[in-house]
Amino acid sequence: LLRAAPAGRLRVMFPFVTSVEEMRSATALMREAAERVGYAGVPVPVGAMVEVPSAALAADLLARESAFFTVGTNDLIQYTLAVDRTDERVSELYQPLHPAVIRLLRLVRRAASRAGIDASVCGEMASDPSLIGLLVGLGFRDFSMTPSAIPGVRRIVQGLRVGEARRMASATLRLATAGDVEQHLLGALAAVNRGPGAR
């Protein structure tokens, strides 16, 4: 990666970061590698994948060590709710709209905003057209998704006003269950006036 850095725009993201100590250690190892290959002077932004609750809860501290965040929603949901999404016996407990998950997402986005760094979302939540309005309302603007999900998500975003999305997200933060959140989002999306696009 470091040898390729001079040829283009490279960013390095460390997965499963759980603490500032891990972030510092990984960054130090990358600096050592850069010195070994003779690219110590090449600037490479380093970011954290926020996909465990400890990283989300300490996002303000991690933001001081990171050039950007990417929220991995699949694992963040799984570890927050202590449920294996691949286990059919408990898969129904995997709830992207659980109030704890939404609050963690808000926490991460606020920490990134206050630190002046980017925060994007990847995972199934970013690919779900019914959830994209919530993510926009929480302040996220960059999303990673499977190509097949792009048309559906684009249709929602093009008809969504940021003010509406913020009100939608604010309302969900006051709800107590995933079912309540889902019902509210479906109603809000049905009422969205298809406008010129998010702004």
Protein backbone atom coordinates (compact mmCIF):
# COMPACT_ATOMS: atom_id res chain seq x y z
CA LEU A 1 0.00 0.00 0.00
CA LEU A 2 2.72 2.46 0.96
CA ARG A 3 4.72 1.77 -2.18
CA ALA A 4 1.60 2.49 -4.23
CA ALA A 5 0.74 5.67 -2.31
CA PRO A 6 2.71 8.09 -4.56
CA ALA A 7 0.72 6.89 -7.58
CA GLY A 8 -2.68 7.98 -6.30
CA ARG A 9 -4.91 8.92 -3.42
CA LEU A 10 -4.48 6.35 -0.67
CA ARG A 11 -6.25 6.12 2.67
CA VAL A 12 -5.67 3.31 5.15
CA MET A 13 -8.41 2.12 7.47
CA PHE A 14 -7.81 -0.12 10.48
CA PRO A 15 -10.65 -2.60 11.21
CA PHE A 16 -12.03 -3.63 14.59
CA VAL A 17 -10.41 -0.82 16.51
CA THR A 18 -11.48 -1.00 20.16
CA SER A 19 -9.30 1.65 21.81
CA VAL A 20 -6.99 4.60 21.34
CA GLU A 21 -4.06 2.37 22.29
CA GLU A 22 -4.80 0.06 19.37
CA MET A 23 -5.10 2.97 16.98
CA ARG A 24 -1.78 4.41 18.11
CA SER A 25 -0.08 1.03 17.90
CA ALA A 26 -1.34 0.35 14.38
CA THR A 27 -0.36 3.83 13.24
CA ALA A 28 3.14 3.36 14.68
CA LEU A 29 3.50 0.05 12.83
CA MET A 30 2.50 1.76 9.60
CA ARG A 31 5.09 4.49 10.18
CA GLU A 32 7.75 1.83 10.71
CA ALA A 33 6.72 0.11 7.48
CA ALA A 34 6.88 3.43 5.64
CA GLU A 35 10.44 3.95 6.81
CA ARG A 36 11.45 0.44 5.75
CA VAL A 37 10.16 0.91 2.19
CA GLY A 38 11.47 4.45 1.89
CA TYR A 39 8.12 6.27 1.80
CA ALA A 40 8.17 7.87 5.23
CA GLY A 41 7.44 11.30 3.75
CA VAL A 42 4.36 10.29 1.78
CA PRO A 43 1.20 11.54 3.57
CA VAL A 44 -1.31 8.73 4.04
CA PRO A 45 -4.51 9.51 5.98
CA VAL A 46 -5.28 6.83 8.55
CA GLY A 47 -8.81 6.09 9.74
CA ALA A 48 -10.71 3.77 12.05
CA MET A 49 -13.47 1.33 11.28
CA VAL A 50 -16.06 1.85 13.99
CA GLU A 51 -17.75 -1.50 14.33
CA VAL A 52 -17.64 -2.39 18.02
CA PRO A 53 -19.43 -0.56 20.86
CA SER A 54 -16.19 0.40 22.63
CA ALA A 55 -15.06 2.33 19.54
CA ALA A 56 -18.43 4.05 19.17
CA LEU A 57 -18.55 5.05 22.83
CA ALA A 58 -15.00 6.40 22.67
CA ALA A 59 -15.45 7.98 19.23
CA ASP A 60 -14.51 11.44 20.52
CA LEU A 61 -11.16 10.07 21.73
CA LEU A 62 -10.55 8.00 18.59
CA ALA A 63 -11.32 11.04 16.43
CA ARG A 64 -8.17 12.70 17.77
CA GLU A 65 -6.13 9.85 16.32
CA SER A 66 -8.02 9.38 13.04
CA ALA A 67 -8.30 11.21 9.75
CA PHE A 68 -11.71 9.63 9.11
CA PHE A 69 -14.25 7.12 10.39
CA THR A 70 -16.17 4.40 8.61
CA VAL A 71 -19.03 2.88 10.57
CA GLY A 72 -19.43 -0.84 9.89
CA THR A 73 -23.09 -1.26 10.79
CA ASN A 74 -23.30 -5.04 10.39
CA ASP A 75 -20.81 -5.78 13.14
CA LEU A 76 -21.75 -2.76 15.24
CA ILE A 77 -25.35 -4.00 15.45
CA GLN A 78 -24.26 -7.57 16.14
CA TYR A 79 -21.91 -6.67 18.97
CA THR A 80 -24.17 -4.02 20.47
CA LEU A 81 -27.09 -6.43 20.71
CA ALA A 82 -25.01 -9.55 21.50
CA VAL A 83 -26.58 -11.49 18.64
CA ASP A 84 -25.04 -13.59 15.87
CA ARG A 85 -26.83 -12.48 12.73
CA THR A 86 -25.89 -15.74 10.97
CA ASP A 87 -27.48 -17.93 13.65
CA GLU A 88 -31.08 -18.65 12.64
CA ARG A 89 -32.04 -19.31 16.26
CA VAL A 90 -31.44 -15.68 17.26
CA SER A 91 -31.31 -13.82 13.94
CA GLU A 92 -34.66 -12.12 14.63
CA LEU A 93 -32.94 -10.27 17.48
CA TYR A 94 -30.65 -8.56 14.97
CA GLN A 95 -32.35 -5.16 14.82
CA PRO A 96 -30.73 -2.29 12.90
CA LEU A 97 -33.38 0.07 14.29
CA HIS A 98 -32.81 -0.77 17.94
CA PRO A 99 -32.66 2.56 19.85
CA ALA A 100 -29.19 1.70 21.18
CA VAL A 101 -27.85 1.32 17.63
CA ILE A 102 -29.31 4.63 16.50
CA ARG A 103 -27.85 6.41 19.54
CA LEU A 104 -24.41 4.94 18.85
CA LEU A 105 -24.60 6.12 15.24
CA ARG A 106 -25.46 9.63 16.42
CA LEU A 107 -22.59 9.52 18.92
CA VAL A 108 -20.07 8.58 16.23
CA ARG A 109 -21.31 11.20 13.76
CA ARG A 110 -21.22 13.95 16.38
CA ALA A 111 -17.71 13.02 17.46
CA ALA A 112 -16.52 13.09 13.85
CA SER A 113 -18.21 16.43 13.21
CA ARG A 114 -16.69 18.04 16.29
CA ALA A 115 -13.24 16.76 15.31
CA GLY A 116 -13.67 17.93 11.72
CA ILE A 117 -13.22 14.49 10.14
CA ASP A 118 -15.33 12.55 7.66
CA ALA A 119 -17.59 9.70 8.77
CA SER A 120 -19.13 7.29 6.28
CA VAL A 121 -21.41 4.28 6.65
CA CYS A 122 -21.01 0.83 5.15
CA GLY A 123 -22.98 -2.33 5.67
CA GLU A 124 -26.57 -3.37 5.13
CA MET A 125 -28.02 -0.21 6.67
CA ALA A 126 -26.39 1.91 3.95
CA SER A 127 -27.91 -0.34 1.28
CA ASP A 128 -31.46 -0.17 2.64
CA PRO A 129 -33.57 2.58 0.99
CA SER A 130 -35.93 2.61 3.98
CA LEU A 131 -33.04 3.51 6.32
CA ILE A 132 -31.08 5.98 4.22
CA GLY A 133 -33.26 8.91 5.35
CA LEU A 134 -32.47 8.12 8.97
CA LEU A 135 -28.73 8.03 8.24
CA VAL A 136 -28.88 11.33 6.37
CA GLY A 137 -30.85 12.81 9.26
CA LEU A 138 -28.16 11.67 11.69
CA GLY A 139 -25.62 13.61 9.62
CA PHE A 140 -24.03 10.99 7.39
CA ARG A 141 -23.40 11.88 3.74
CA ASP A 142 -21.08 9.16 2.43
CA PHE A 143 -22.22 5.57 2.01
CA SER A 144 -20.70 2.33 0.79
CA MET A 145 -23.15 -0.20 -0.63
CA THR A 146 -23.55 -3.01 -3.12
CA PRO A 147 -24.04 -1.70 -6.68
CA SER A 148 -27.51 -3.24 -6.92
CA ALA A 149 -28.69 -1.06 -4.01
CA ILE A 150 -27.68 2.25 -5.61
CA PRO A 151 -30.81 2.91 -7.75
CA GLY A 152 -33.24 2.42 -4.84
CA VAL A 153 -31.18 4.50 -2.45
CA ARG A 154 -30.71 7.22 -5.07
CA ARG A 155 -34.48 7.52 -5.60
CA ILE A 156 -35.02 8.11 -1.89
CA VAL A 157 -32.16 10.60 -1.55
CA GLN A 158 -33.27 12.59 -4.59
CA GLY A 159 -36.67 13.15 -3.01
CA LEU A 160 -35.38 13.86 0.47
CA ARG A 161 -34.82 17.25 2.07
CA VAL A 162 -32.15 17.37 4.74
CA GLY A 163 -34.45 19.26 7.10
CA GLU A 164 -37.06 16.50 6.80
CA ALA A 165 -34.40 13.86 7.39
CA ARG A 166 -33.16 15.64 10.51
CA ARG A 167 -36.67 15.85 11.94
CA MET A 168 -37.18 12.18 11.14
CA ALA A 169 -33.97 11.20 12.92
CA SER A 170 -34.70 13.45 15.88
CA ALA A 171 -38.10 11.83 16.34
CA THR A 172 -36.66 8.30 16.21
CA LEU A 173 -34.24 9.14 19.04
CA ARG A 174 -37.24 9.61 21.33
CA LEU A 175 -38.76 6.21 20.53
CA ALA A 176 -38.33 3.23 22.83
CA THR A 177 -38.44 0.16 20.56
CA ALA A 178 -37.19 -0.96 17.16
CA GLY A 179 -40.80 -1.55 16.13
CA ASP A 180 -41.76 2.01 17.01
CA VAL A 181 -38.77 3.33 15.04
CA GLU A 182 -39.63 1.23 12.01
CA GLN A 183 -43.26 2.36 12.03
CA HIS A 184 -42.22 6.00 12.31
CA LEU A 185 -39.69 5.74 9.46
CA LEU A 186 -42.15 4.04 7.13
CA GLY A 187 -44.73 6.73 7.82
CA ALA A 188 -42.22 9.52 7.38
CA LEU A 189 -40.89 8.11 4.11
CA ALA A 190 -44.40 7.70 2.74
CA ALA A 191 -45.03 11.39 3.43
CA VAL A 192 -41.78 12.66 1.92
CA ASN A 193 -42.40 15.17 -0.82
CA ARG A 194 -40.25 14.07 -3.75
CA GLY A 195 -38.13 17.19 -4.28
CA PRO A 196 -35.03 18.13 -6.25
CA GLY A 197 -32.70 16.25 -3.88
CA ALA A 198 -31.04 16.31 -0.49
CA ARG A 199 -29.55 19.65 0.48
